[in-house]
Protein backbone atom coordinates (compact mmCIF):
# COMPACT_ATOMS: atom_id res chain seq x y z
CA UNK A 1 45.19 -81.00 24.65
CA UNK A 2 48.84 -80.54 23.74
CA UNK A 3 48.71 -83.78 21.36
CA UNK A 4 45.74 -82.40 19.02
CA UNK A 5 47.93 -79.48 18.52
CA UNK A 6 49.45 -78.89 14.98
CA UNK A 7 51.54 -75.91 16.10
CA UNK A 8 54.89 -77.16 17.54
CA UNK A 9 55.22 -74.03 19.64
CA UNK A 10 52.14 -74.35 21.35
CA UNK A 11 52.47 -78.01 21.97
CA UNK A 12 55.77 -77.34 23.69
CA UNK A 13 53.91 -74.40 25.86
CA UNK A 14 51.21 -77.25 26.89
CA UNK A 15 53.90 -79.56 27.84
CA UNK A 16 55.62 -76.84 29.88
CA UNK A 17 52.45 -76.48 32.00
CA UNK A 18 52.16 -80.25 32.51
CA UNK A 19 55.99 -80.67 33.52
CA UNK A 20 55.44 -77.88 36.17
CA UNK A 21 53.23 -80.06 37.56
CA UNK A 22 55.37 -83.00 37.70
CA UNK A 23 57.71 -80.89 39.55
CA UNK A 24 55.51 -79.80 42.06
CA UNK A 25 54.48 -83.48 42.82
CA UNK A 26 58.36 -84.10 43.78
CA UNK A 27 57.77 -81.55 46.71
CA UNK A 28 54.57 -83.14 47.91
CA UNK A 29 56.46 -85.13 50.95
CA UNK A 30 58.45 -81.98 51.74
CA UNK A 31 56.47 -81.67 54.86
CA UNK A 32 58.14 -84.75 56.36
CA UNK A 33 61.54 -84.00 57.88
CA UNK A 34 63.13 -87.45 56.81
CA UNK A 35 62.61 -87.16 53.15
CA UNK A 36 62.35 -83.40 52.68
CA UNK A 37 66.00 -83.40 51.28
CA UNK A 38 65.56 -85.79 49.06
CA UNK A 39 62.32 -83.98 47.74
CA UNK A 40 64.04 -81.08 47.14
CA UNK A 41 66.84 -82.87 45.50
CA UNK A 42 64.68 -84.85 43.30
CA UNK A 43 62.84 -81.62 42.25
CA UNK A 44 65.91 -80.07 41.45
CA UNK A 45 67.64 -82.60 39.30
CA UNK A 46 64.19 -82.95 37.18
CA UNK A 47 64.25 -79.19 36.78
CA UNK A 48 67.67 -79.33 35.66
CA UNK A 49 67.09 -82.25 33.27
CA UNK A 50 63.96 -80.82 31.76
CA UNK A 51 65.55 -77.38 31.16
CA UNK A 52 68.32 -79.05 29.31
CA UNK A 53 65.95 -81.13 27.09
CA UNK A 54 63.51 -78.16 26.60
CA UNK A 55 66.47 -76.01 25.68
CA UNK A 56 67.23 -78.85 22.88
CA UNK A 57 63.60 -79.10 21.69
CA UNK A 58 63.44 -75.20 20.99
CA UNK A 59 66.90 -75.13 19.52
CA UNK A 60 65.35 -77.95 16.98
CA UNK A 61 62.28 -75.80 16.25
CA UNK A 62 64.21 -72.79 15.69
CA UNK A 63 66.75 -74.39 13.31
CA UNK A 64 63.65 -75.77 11.34
CA UNK A 65 61.84 -72.67 11.08
CA UNK A 66 65.16 -70.96 9.84
CA UNK A 67 65.85 -73.92 7.39
CA UNK A 68 62.19 -73.47 6.03
CA UNK A 69 62.42 -69.90 5.61
CA UNK A 70 65.60 -70.21 3.61
CA UNK A 71 63.97 -72.87 1.39
CA UNK A 72 60.88 -70.67 0.82
CA UNK A 73 63.38 -68.00 -0.25
CA UNK A 74 64.85 -69.91 -2.99
CA UNK A 75 61.73 -70.86 -4.41
CA UNK A 76 60.31 -67.33 -4.78
CA UNK A 77 60.64 -66.15 -8.42
CA UNK A 78 63.16 -62.91 -8.38
CA UNK A 79 60.22 -60.55 -9.78
CA UNK A 80 58.35 -61.25 -6.72
CA UNK A 81 61.00 -61.24 -3.90
CA UNK A 82 61.02 -57.36 -3.85
CA UNK A 83 56.97 -57.36 -3.15
CA UNK A 84 57.03 -60.10 -0.57
CA UNK A 85 60.42 -59.28 1.26
CA UNK A 86 58.68 -57.36 4.03
CA UNK A 87 56.67 -60.37 4.85
CA UNK A 88 59.65 -62.93 4.88
CA UNK A 89 61.80 -63.63 8.46
CA UNK A 90 65.35 -62.03 8.09
């Protein structure tokens, strides 16, 4: 479902749903007292690593959106700028 997306934000959202399942899989052996600490530690490690990479991915998406908006503003002819200014992101 995520690969077929043309919207990067929607693809990242679908990816987040899948990653939540992977984190839960780390907690499956939690009932076994011999490995419960390892299960929690590995789930927390994965959660931390995923959070860092996700923040990075969103930072790239936001930076690209801002650069595309600036490029679009520079192409607009001055006469049209006032009429469509309200639809451009700040």
